[in-house]
Amino acid sequence: MEKAELIFIPWPLMGHLAQLVELAKLIIDREENLSISVLITRLPDSIDPVTNGLIDSLVASYSNEALQFFHLPPKNPAPEWSSLNRGYFIQKQLESQKPHVKEFIAKHQTDPSHSSKLIGLVADMFANCIIDVADDFGIPSYMFSTSGAGFLSLMLHFQTLQDEYDQDVCEFLNSKTALSFACFANPIPPSILPIVLVDKQLWLQRFVKCARGCRKAKGIIINTFSELEMYALNSFNLSESSYGIQELPQIYSVGPLLNQVQHASHQVQSEIINWLDEQPPFSVVYICFGSLASLETDQVKELAYGLERSGYRFLWSLRRSPPENAIFDFPLEYVNHKDVLPEGFLDRTANVGKVVGWVPQLAVLSHSAVGGFVSHCGWNSILESIWCGVPVATWPLHSEQQFNAFQLVRELELSVGITLDYSLMNENQHLVTAEEIEKGIREVMENDSEVRKKVKEMKDVSRTSMKQGGSSYESLGSLIDDMLHKTVNKI
């Protein structure tokens, strides 16, 4: 068979980049005649040093003849970018890289030293602007969704309502009754609709464009597995009224893809794992709100009180909010955790708890001492918790996390809810009280609960899906075959 090559364009944030690299590894492991070039855009270190550290780890760990990383030229932010938040800034950064991507492809196709044929471009769903470059060269493009099938289904449905029926989908947020959509079996309250789909600015300037980009692709790759989101995945096969006149691209569910490279120093990781080694099995509740968000001081104190009242051992990844005048809202590390925690908390809990900064999450969730996870319900964290068989107590913060929390608690019954609709974008957001937190922790740590039993069952299913004959294994095989079909001449 003739050698073939793919180009991958990640969204330059840690959770997105790690998933796409894991997909690349799976593809080249399955097809020896395929190689992959990953084109990386780095954000300034002053904005996101965490992802840049991960990039360095990925390049050092995985670079080989079949998987290579190329850094696109640094792009200094234009003056007007200073008024943009994180998502818009990254979008502008990627758009500015289109000429460099075009130059990379042109050189690839004209360089006589390249013996492989370029058969496709795989871009993160948020990097949809790169589809235009692929189209210019007549290269098939594939969109990669780091969110679940339920969210993707809803986003495509909303885009149909917006573009073909001229409906203001943001008005769904004002509904007085629960709403029914094809992606879920249960009606959903308006308060858990993904804010990125019902906030007018976010929807019109970013996410409706993501949906349109997905429709232009030859295929959509989702980091999920069919047994977890069967109802949502089946919704893509429904009538035109749900997804519009234009036929949807082929859907491939290839997960769970997990972040195998943990950006934590050896010293930090050793300290955390050594502490966990000293704890009894399933005795520790792990608290983490992801790499992109943090709680305000008053809410941190309520969480501390709730933890203390629960009496459970805990590992708490606690990071601080950026300054109020900061342009970009990436969390920062505390110099001293005593500055934000209730007076005496660290002393009173010294024998049962550990408060840290950045955490090697997959290693923590894999540890036998961890029995529950208070999570923001980012899709990466959900898949990792299922893979490790650790039940979640939901506490969403932004993006589509409220939607994810509802899916986990009500649709799939795989989690308990501390809250389902908490949102950092809600100016009138009430505090989650210590009593609510204590109750959620006690429920998620209950040893013989139905939720724990279901999560353990889904753990086994998730791992089986990635093995030969499993649902995601077969879907990935179909993706590779479709990429090669009629593109590479077989001999």
Protein backbone atom coordinates (compact mmCIF):
# COMPACT_ATOMS: atom_id res chain seq x y z
CA MET A 1 0.00 0.00 0.00
CA GLU A 2 1.20 3.51 -0.76
CA LYS A 3 2.29 5.52 2.29
CA ALA A 4 -0.31 8.00 3.48
CA GLU A 5 -0.23 10.99 5.82
CA LEU A 6 -2.67 13.00 7.93
CA ILE A 7 -2.32 16.51 9.33
CA PHE A 8 -3.76 17.20 12.80
CA ILE A 9 -4.68 20.71 13.98
CA PRO A 10 -5.39 20.82 17.75
CA TRP A 11 -7.08 23.57 19.75
CA PRO A 12 -4.15 24.79 21.89
CA LEU A 13 -5.51 23.98 25.35
CA MET A 14 -4.37 21.04 27.41
CA GLY A 15 -7.55 18.92 27.40
CA HIS A 16 -8.07 19.32 23.65
CA LEU A 17 -4.45 18.78 22.64
CA ALA A 18 -3.99 15.63 24.74
CA GLN A 19 -7.11 13.96 23.29
CA LEU A 20 -6.07 14.63 19.70
CA VAL A 21 -2.58 13.23 20.31
CA GLU A 22 -4.10 10.08 21.83
CA LEU A 23 -6.23 9.70 18.69
CA ALA A 24 -3.11 10.08 16.54
CA LYS A 25 -1.32 7.37 18.52
CA LEU A 26 -4.24 4.97 18.09
CA ILE A 27 -4.38 5.56 14.34
CA ILE A 28 -0.71 4.96 13.68
CA ASP A 29 -0.75 1.89 15.93
CA ARG A 30 -3.54 0.44 13.79
CA GLU A 31 -2.19 1.37 10.35
CA GLU A 32 1.54 1.08 9.75
CA ASN A 33 1.33 2.89 6.41
CA LEU A 34 -0.07 6.04 7.99
CA SER A 35 1.96 8.88 9.47
CA ILE A 36 0.67 12.00 11.22
CA SER A 37 1.98 15.56 11.45
CA VAL A 38 0.62 17.60 14.35
CA LEU A 39 0.76 21.36 13.75
CA ILE A 40 0.97 23.18 17.07
CA THR A 41 0.11 26.74 17.93
CA ARG A 42 1.54 27.87 21.25
CA LEU A 43 -0.11 30.52 23.37
CA PRO A 44 2.16 33.03 25.11
CA ASP A 45 3.64 31.59 28.31
CA SER A 46 2.20 34.52 30.23
CA ILE A 47 -1.29 33.33 29.27
CA ASP A 48 -1.13 29.55 29.54
CA PRO A 49 2.11 28.02 30.87
CA VAL A 50 0.29 24.77 31.72
CA THR A 51 -0.51 23.80 28.13
CA ASN A 52 2.94 24.83 26.95
CA GLY A 53 4.43 22.49 29.54
CA LEU A 54 2.19 19.70 28.25
CA ILE A 55 3.25 20.41 24.67
CA ASP A 56 6.88 19.99 25.66
CA SER A 57 6.06 16.70 27.41
CA LEU A 58 4.10 15.39 24.44
CA VAL A 59 6.81 16.25 21.94
CA ALA A 60 9.48 14.65 24.13
CA SER A 61 7.41 11.52 24.79
CA TYR A 62 5.83 10.70 21.45
CA SER A 63 7.85 12.15 18.58
CA ASN A 64 8.93 9.43 16.14
CA GLU A 65 8.97 8.77 12.41
CA ALA A 66 5.21 8.12 12.29
CA LEU A 67 4.12 10.92 14.67
CA GLN A 68 5.83 14.27 14.33
CA PHE A 69 5.12 17.68 15.85
CA PHE A 70 5.67 20.97 14.05
CA HIS A 71 5.46 24.33 15.77
CA LEU A 72 3.77 26.97 13.69
CA PRO A 73 5.59 30.33 13.76
CA PRO A 74 4.84 32.44 16.86
CA LYS A 75 2.21 35.06 16.23
CA ASN A 76 2.20 38.23 18.27
CA PRO A 77 -1.33 39.14 19.35
CA ALA A 78 -2.87 42.05 17.52
CA PRO A 79 -3.75 45.03 19.77
CA GLU A 80 -7.49 44.40 19.49
CA TRP A 81 -7.05 40.88 20.89
CA SER A 82 -6.40 42.39 24.32
CA SER A 83 -10.14 42.98 24.70
CA LEU A 84 -11.00 39.33 24.08
CA ASN A 85 -11.49 36.51 26.56
CA ARG A 86 -9.73 33.16 26.40
CA GLY A 87 -11.87 31.48 23.73
CA TYR A 88 -11.94 34.45 21.36
CA PHE A 89 -8.22 35.02 21.80
CA ILE A 90 -7.38 31.44 20.82
CA GLN A 91 -9.79 31.62 17.89
CA LYS A 92 -8.01 34.72 16.58
CA GLN A 93 -4.65 33.06 17.16
CA LEU A 94 -5.66 30.06 15.04
CA GLU A 95 -7.20 32.18 12.30
CA SER A 96 -3.91 34.07 12.06
CA GLN A 97 -2.13 30.76 11.45
CA LYS A 98 -4.10 29.84 8.31
CA PRO A 99 -1.38 31.17 5.95
CA HIS A 100 1.24 29.10 7.79
CA VAL A 101 -0.90 25.95 7.56
CA LYS A 102 -1.40 26.62 3.87
CA GLU A 103 2.35 27.05 3.41
CA PHE A 104 3.03 23.79 5.28
CA ILE A 105 0.66 21.83 3.04
CA ALA A 106 2.01 23.43 -0.14
CA LYS A 107 5.59 22.56 0.77
CA HIS A 108 4.52 19.04 1.69
CA GLN A 109 2.92 18.47 -1.69
CA THR A 110 5.81 19.88 -3.71
CA ASP A 111 8.73 18.47 -1.72
CA PRO A 112 10.12 15.47 -3.66
CA SER A 113 11.51 13.98 -0.43
CA HIS A 114 7.95 13.31 0.80
CA SER A 115 6.96 9.85 -0.41
CA SER A 116 3.61 9.75 1.38
CA LYS A 117 0.33 11.05 0.03
CA LEU A 118 -1.63 13.59 2.10
CA ILE A 119 -5.10 12.05 2.52
CA GLY A 120 -6.79 14.20 5.13
CA LEU A 121 -6.77 16.90 7.75
CA VAL A 122 -8.18 16.35 11.26
CA ALA A 123 -8.97 19.55 13.14
CA ASP A 124 -10.39 20.22 16.55
CA MET A 125 -14.01 21.30 16.28
CA PHE A 126 -13.05 24.79 17.47
CA ALA A 127 -10.35 25.03 14.80
CA ASN A 128 -13.01 24.89 12.08
CA CYS A 129 -11.45 27.88 10.30
CA ILE A 130 -8.76 25.49 9.00
CA ILE A 131 -11.36 23.61 6.91
CA ASP A 132 -11.11 26.37 4.33
CA VAL A 133 -7.41 25.60 3.88
CA ALA A 134 -8.12 21.90 3.38
CA ASP A 135 -10.82 22.77 0.83
CA ASP A 136 -8.36 24.94 -1.11
CA PHE A 137 -6.17 21.88 -1.63
CA GLY A 138 -9.03 19.44 -2.17
CA ILE A 139 -8.10 17.52 0.98
CA PRO A 140 -10.88 15.76 2.98
CA SER A 141 -11.32 17.27 6.43
CA TYR A 142 -12.54 15.67 9.64
CA MET A 143 -13.74 17.47 12.76
CA PHE A 144 -12.78 16.16 16.20
CA SER A 145 -15.14 16.79 19.13
CA THR A 146 -13.62 16.73 22.60
CA SER A 147 -17.14 17.04 24.05
CA GLY A 148 -19.71 14.27 24.19
CA ALA A 149 -22.23 13.19 21.58
CA GLY A 150 -25.10 14.75 23.53
CA PHE A 151 -23.59 18.22 23.34
CA LEU A 152 -22.67 17.85 19.67
CA SER A 153 -26.17 16.66 18.83
CA LEU A 154 -27.74 19.65 20.56
CA MET A 155 -25.35 22.11 18.92
CA LEU A 156 -26.12 20.78 15.43
CA HIS A 157 -29.85 20.88 16.16
CA PHE A 158 -29.59 24.50 17.33
CA GLN A 159 -27.66 25.40 14.19
CA THR A 160 -30.48 23.93 12.09
CA LEU A 161 -33.05 25.99 13.98
CA GLN A 162 -30.91 29.11 13.59
CA ASP A 163 -29.95 28.80 9.91
CA GLU A 164 -32.94 27.04 8.34
CA TYR A 165 -35.83 28.21 10.51
CA ASP A 166 -34.49 31.61 11.61
CA GLN A 167 -35.19 30.72 15.25
CA ASP A 168 -33.47 32.56 18.08
CA VAL A 169 -32.20 29.54 20.00
CA CYS A 170 -31.05 31.76 22.86
CA GLU A 171 -34.71 32.15 23.80
CA PHE A 172 -34.74 28.55 25.04
CA LEU A 173 -33.03 29.86 28.15
CA ASN A 174 -36.22 31.75 29.06
CA SER A 175 -38.51 28.74 28.81
CA LYS A 176 -40.82 28.20 31.81
CA THR A 177 -41.02 24.47 31.22
CA ALA A 178 -38.62 21.59 30.65
CA LEU A 179 -37.44 21.11 27.08
CA SER A 180 -37.27 17.93 25.00
CA PHE A 181 -34.47 17.28 22.51
CA ALA A 182 -33.51 14.20 20.53
CA CYS A 183 -30.15 13.79 22.29
CA PHE A 184 -31.68 12.88 25.69
CA ALA A 185 -34.50 10.59 26.72
CA ASN A 186 -35.49 12.96 29.55
CA PRO A 187 -36.71 16.56 29.24
CA ILE A 188 -34.12 19.04 30.45
CA PRO A 189 -34.57 22.20 32.52
CA PRO A 190 -33.54 25.42 30.73
CA SER A 191 -31.03 26.17 33.50
CA ILE A 192 -28.73 23.35 32.36
CA LEU A 193 -28.62 24.31 28.67
CA PRO A 194 -24.97 24.84 27.65
CA ILE A 195 -24.31 28.54 28.12
CA VAL A 196 -22.16 28.50 24.97
CA LEU A 197 -25.29 27.70 22.95
CA VAL A 198 -27.71 30.17 24.55
CA ASP A 199 -25.50 33.17 25.28
CA LYS A 200 -26.08 35.28 22.17
CA GLN A 201 -22.51 36.51 21.77
CA LEU A 202 -20.90 33.12 22.35
CA TRP A 203 -23.40 31.38 20.09
CA LEU A 204 -23.31 33.75 17.12
CA GLN A 205 -19.60 34.55 17.16
CA ARG A 206 -18.20 31.11 17.93
CA PHE A 207 -20.36 28.04 18.39
CA VAL A 208 -22.77 28.31 15.47
CA LYS A 209 -19.61 28.56 13.35
CA CYS A 210 -18.36 25.34 14.96
CA ALA A 211 -21.59 23.60 13.97
CA ARG A 212 -21.37 24.88 10.38
CA GLY A 213 -17.76 23.71 10.23
CA CYS A 214 -18.77 20.22 11.37
CA ARG A 215 -21.32 20.00 8.55
CA LYS A 216 -18.66 20.88 5.96
CA ALA A 217 -16.40 18.04 7.09
CA LYS A 218 -16.30 14.57 5.60
CA GLY A 219 -16.62 13.05 9.06
CA ILE A 220 -17.03 13.94 12.73
CA ILE A 221 -14.92 12.09 15.30
CA ILE A 222 -16.23 12.09 18.89
CA ASN A 223 -14.39 11.20 22.07
CA THR A 224 -17.09 8.92 23.45
CA PHE A 225 -18.20 5.30 23.25
CA SER A 226 -21.55 4.02 22.08
CA GLU A 227 -22.51 2.21 25.28
CA LEU A 228 -22.18 5.46 27.27
CA GLU A 229 -24.10 7.73 24.88
CA MET A 230 -26.20 5.31 22.85
CA TYR A 231 -29.29 7.54 22.96
CA ALA A 232 -27.36 10.63 21.87
CA LEU A 233 -25.51 8.79 19.10
CA ASN A 234 -28.77 7.31 17.81
CA SER A 235 -30.20 10.83 17.61
CA PHE A 236 -27.93 11.57 14.64
CA ASN A 237 -29.96 9.08 12.60
CA LEU A 238 -33.23 10.97 13.06
CA SER A 239 -35.21 12.88 10.47
CA GLU A 240 -34.24 16.07 8.65
CA SER A 241 -36.40 18.14 11.01
CA SER A 242 -33.82 17.67 13.78
CA TYR A 243 -30.62 18.28 11.82
CA GLY A 244 -31.66 20.12 8.68
CA ILE A 245 -31.84 19.40 5.00
CA GLN A 246 -28.08 18.98 4.62
CA GLU A 247 -27.02 15.40 5.30
CA LEU A 248 -24.83 14.99 8.36
CA PRO A 249 -21.27 13.75 7.91
CA GLN A 250 -20.39 10.25 9.08
CA ILE A 251 -20.09 10.00 12.88
CA TYR A 252 -17.25 8.03 14.50
CA SER A 253 -17.20 7.37 18.26
CA VAL A 254 -13.64 6.39 19.17
CA GLY A 255 -13.30 6.99 22.92
CA PRO A 256 -12.55 7.10 25.69
CA LEU A 257 -9.34 8.91 24.75
CA LEU A 258 -7.54 9.88 27.96
CA ASN A 259 -4.77 12.33 28.73
CA GLN A 260 -1.81 10.02 29.32
CA VAL A 261 0.71 12.84 29.79
CA GLN A 262 0.28 14.55 33.13
CA HIS A 263 1.86 17.97 33.50
CA ALA A 264 3.15 17.73 37.06
CA SER A 265 6.72 17.63 38.29
CA HIS A 266 8.11 14.32 39.47
CA GLN A 267 8.42 15.75 42.97
CA VAL A 268 4.78 16.90 43.08
CA GLN A 269 3.48 13.62 41.68
CA SER A 270 5.57 11.56 44.07
CA GLU A 271 4.41 13.58 47.06
CA ILE A 272 0.74 13.11 46.13
CA ILE A 273 1.00 9.41 45.30
CA ASN A 274 3.03 8.70 48.45
CA TRP A 275 0.33 10.37 50.54
CA LEU A 276 -2.39 8.34 48.81
CA ASP A 277 -0.38 5.16 49.42
CA GLU A 278 -0.84 5.76 53.15
CA GLN A 279 -4.65 6.00 52.94
CA PRO A 280 -7.11 3.07 53.16
CA PRO A 281 -8.80 1.85 49.95
CA PHE A 282 -11.68 4.02 48.66
CA SER A 283 -11.35 6.40 51.62
CA VAL A 284 -10.33 9.63 49.86
CA VAL A 285 -12.59 12.09 48.06
CA TYR A 286 -10.72 13.97 45.33
CA ILE A 287 -11.78 17.56 44.56
CA CYS A 288 -10.74 19.28 41.34
CA PHE A 289 -12.39 21.82 39.04
CA GLY A 290 -10.19 21.41 36.00
CA SER A 291 -7.45 23.47 34.42
CA LEU A 292 -9.60 26.39 33.24
CA ALA A 293 -11.72 27.55 36.20
CA SER A 294 -11.62 28.20 39.93
CA LEU A 295 -13.95 29.20 42.76
CA GLU A 296 -14.16 32.56 44.49
CA THR A 297 -12.96 32.88 48.07
CA ASP A 298 -16.37 32.73 49.77
CA GLN A 299 -17.26 29.55 47.87
CA VAL A 300 -13.88 28.01 48.70
CA LYS A 301 -14.59 28.52 52.39
CA GLU A 302 -18.01 26.83 52.10
CA LEU A 303 -16.37 23.89 50.36
CA ALA A 304 -13.79 23.66 53.13
CA TYR A 305 -16.52 23.64 55.79
CA GLY A 306 -18.45 20.98 53.88
CA LEU A 307 -15.37 18.79 53.56
CA GLU A 308 -14.56 19.12 57.24
CA ARG A 309 -18.11 18.32 58.26
CA SER A 310 -18.22 15.22 56.07
CA GLY A 311 -15.33 13.68 58.01
CA TYR A 312 -13.87 12.03 54.91
CA ARG A 313 -10.23 12.04 53.89
CA PHE A 314 -9.64 14.37 50.95
CA LEU A 315 -7.19 15.46 48.26
CA TRP A 316 -8.08 18.96 47.09
CA SER A 317 -6.60 20.59 43.99
CA LEU A 318 -7.11 24.23 44.91
CA ARG A 319 -6.21 26.99 42.46
CA ARG A 320 -7.04 30.66 42.61
CA SER A 321 -9.01 32.96 40.34
CA PRO A 322 -7.05 35.41 38.20
CA PRO A 323 -6.99 39.07 39.28
CA GLU A 324 -10.15 41.05 38.49
CA ASN A 325 -8.33 43.18 35.91
CA ALA A 326 -6.77 40.18 34.15
CA ILE A 327 -7.52 39.91 30.44
CA PHE A 328 -7.37 36.12 30.38
CA ASP A 329 -9.17 33.98 32.91
CA PHE A 330 -6.72 31.11 33.48
CA PRO A 331 -6.49 29.97 37.12
CA LEU A 332 -3.26 30.56 38.98
CA GLU A 333 -1.46 28.80 41.83
CA TYR A 334 -1.74 30.02 45.41
CA VAL A 335 1.47 31.03 47.14
CA ASN A 336 -0.11 29.96 50.44
CA HIS A 337 -3.41 28.08 50.70
CA LYS A 338 -3.96 29.54 54.17
CA ASP A 339 -4.76 32.85 52.46
CA VAL A 340 -8.09 31.51 51.17
CA LEU A 341 -9.07 28.69 53.55
CA PRO A 342 -10.92 29.15 56.87
CA GLU A 343 -8.67 29.90 59.82
CA GLY A 344 -7.25 26.72 61.31
CA PHE A 345 -8.66 24.46 58.55
CA LEU A 346 -5.31 23.07 57.49
CA ASP A 347 -4.33 22.35 61.08
CA ARG A 348 -7.63 20.67 61.95
CA THR A 349 -7.56 18.46 58.85
CA ALA A 350 -3.81 17.77 58.75
CA ASN A 351 -4.27 14.07 59.52
CA VAL A 352 -7.01 13.42 56.95
CA GLY A 353 -6.57 15.89 54.11
CA LYS A 354 -4.10 17.31 51.66
CA VAL A 355 -4.51 20.63 49.80
CA VAL A 356 -2.33 20.98 46.69
CA GLY A 357 -2.12 22.88 43.42
CA TRP A 358 -1.77 21.13 40.07
CA VAL A 359 -2.56 17.39 40.20
CA PRO A 360 -1.70 14.44 37.90
CA GLN A 361 -5.38 13.59 37.63
CA LEU A 362 -5.35 10.25 35.83
CA ALA A 363 -2.75 8.90 38.26
CA VAL A 364 -4.87 10.11 41.19
CA LEU A 365 -8.13 8.64 39.89
CA SER A 366 -6.35 5.35 39.20
CA HIS A 367 -5.19 5.06 42.80
CA SER A 368 -7.01 2.54 45.01
CA ALA A 369 -7.34 5.06 47.85
CA VAL A 370 -9.65 7.34 45.85
CA GLY A 371 -13.32 6.57 46.34
CA GLY A 372 -15.10 9.65 44.97
CA PHE A 373 -14.55 12.71 42.80
CA VAL A 374 -16.07 16.19 43.22
CA SER A 375 -15.80 17.42 39.64
CA HIS A 376 -16.67 20.33 37.36
CA CYS A 377 -17.86 17.74 34.81
CA GLY A 378 -15.53 18.60 31.99
CA TRP A 379 -15.77 15.81 29.41
CA ASN A 380 -12.14 14.74 29.95
CA SER A 381 -12.74 14.35 33.68
CA ILE A 382 -15.96 12.41 33.09
CA LEU A 383 -14.24 9.89 30.83
CA GLU A 384 -11.31 9.55 33.23
CA SER A 385 -13.60 8.95 36.21
CA ILE A 386 -15.52 6.26 34.30
CA TRP A 387 -12.32 4.61 33.07
CA CYS A 388 -11.08 4.43 36.66
CA GLY A 389 -14.45 3.45 38.14
CA VAL A 390 -14.66 6.47 40.45
CA PRO A 391 -18.15 7.97 40.95
CA VAL A 392 -18.58 11.73 40.55
CA ALA A 393 -20.36 14.34 42.63
CA THR A 394 -21.24 17.00 40.07
CA TRP A 395 -20.38 20.69 40.42
CA PRO A 396 -20.33 22.28 36.94
CA LEU A 397 -18.83 25.72 36.39
CA HIS A 398 -19.01 26.82 32.74
CA SER A 399 -19.25 25.88 29.03
CA GLU A 400 -21.37 22.71 28.58
CA GLN A 401 -20.63 21.34 32.04
CA GLN A 402 -24.16 21.86 33.42
CA PHE A 403 -25.44 19.82 30.48
CA ASN A 404 -22.86 17.12 31.23
CA ALA A 405 -23.84 17.07 34.90
CA PHE A 406 -27.50 16.55 34.04
CA GLN A 407 -26.55 13.77 31.64
CA LEU A 408 -24.51 12.00 34.33
CA VAL A 409 -27.05 12.33 37.14
CA ARG A 410 -30.46 12.16 35.47
CA GLU A 411 -29.92 10.58 32.07
CA LEU A 412 -27.28 7.95 32.88
CA GLU A 413 -27.59 7.71 36.69
CA LEU A 414 -23.80 7.45 36.96
CA SER A 415 -23.28 10.33 39.40
CA VAL A 416 -24.74 12.17 42.36
CA GLY A 417 -25.42 15.88 42.20
CA ILE A 418 -24.05 18.49 44.56
CA THR A 419 -25.43 20.94 42.01
CA LEU A 420 -26.44 20.68 38.35
CA ASP A 421 -26.78 24.32 37.29
CA TYR A 422 -24.04 26.23 39.10
CA SER A 423 -22.47 28.70 36.66
CA LEU A 424 -19.60 31.16 37.01
CA MET A 425 -21.28 33.29 34.33
CA ASN A 426 -24.36 33.81 36.49
CA GLU A 427 -23.92 37.15 38.26
CA ASN A 428 -26.55 36.15 40.81
CA GLN A 429 -25.17 32.67 41.42
CA HIS A 430 -25.93 31.57 44.98
CA LEU A 431 -23.32 29.88 47.13
CA VAL A 432 -23.41 26.12 47.35
CA THR A 433 -23.68 25.67 51.09
CA ALA A 434 -21.52 23.53 53.34
CA GLU A 435 -24.62 21.41 54.07
CA GLU A 436 -25.18 20.69 50.36
CA ILE A 437 -21.51 19.88 49.89
CA GLU A 438 -21.42 17.58 52.90
CA LYS A 439 -24.51 15.74 51.64
CA GLY A 440 -23.02 15.28 48.15
CA ILE A 441 -19.72 13.99 49.50
CA ARG A 442 -21.44 11.49 51.77
CA GLU A 443 -23.54 10.22 48.87
CA VAL A 444 -20.64 9.85 46.43
CA MET A 445 -18.51 8.05 49.04
CA GLU A 446 -21.23 5.55 49.97
CA ASN A 447 -19.64 2.14 49.41
CA ASP A 448 -22.62 0.08 48.28
CA SER A 449 -24.64 2.70 46.40
CA GLU A 450 -26.33 1.96 43.08
CA VAL A 451 -24.33 4.76 41.48
CA ARG A 452 -21.05 3.15 42.52
CA LYS A 453 -22.18 -0.22 41.15
CA LYS A 454 -23.20 1.34 37.82
CA VAL A 455 -19.91 3.22 37.51
CA LYS A 456 -17.95 0.01 38.10
CA GLU A 457 -19.98 -1.69 35.37
CA MET A 458 -19.40 1.21 32.97
CA LYS A 459 -15.68 1.10 33.78
CA ASP A 460 -15.53 -2.44 32.37
CA VAL A 461 -17.60 -1.44 29.35
CA SER A 462 -15.37 1.56 28.61
CA ARG A 463 -12.27 -0.62 28.57
CA THR A 464 -13.90 -3.32 26.48
CA SER A 465 -14.95 -0.71 23.91
CA MET A 466 -11.30 0.03 23.14
CA LYS A 467 -10.26 -3.60 22.71
CA GLN A 468 -10.42 -5.59 19.49
CA GLY A 469 -14.06 -6.20 18.65
CA GLY A 470 -15.22 -3.38 20.94
CA SER A 471 -17.48 -0.58 19.72
CA SER A 472 -14.84 2.17 19.65
CA TYR A 473 -12.19 -0.17 18.23
CA GLU A 474 -14.51 -0.99 15.32
CA SER A 475 -15.50 2.65 14.81
CA LEU A 476 -11.85 3.69 14.64
CA GLY A 477 -11.26 0.95 12.09
CA SER A 478 -14.10 2.32 9.98
CA LEU A 479 -12.61 5.81 10.21
CA ILE A 480 -9.20 4.61 9.03
CA ASP A 481 -10.75 2.61 6.17
CA ASP A 482 -12.82 5.61 5.09
CA MET A 483 -9.76 7.86 5.17
CA LEU A 484 -7.87 5.45 2.95
CA HIS A 485 -10.79 4.52 0.67
CA LYS A 486 -10.35 5.81 -2.88
CA THR A 487 -7.50 7.99 -1.67
CA VAL A 488 -4.57 5.62 -1.55
CA ASN A 489 -4.02 3.20 -4.40
CA LYS A 490 -3.77 -0.29 -2.98
CA ILE A 491 -1.35 -2.74 -4.53
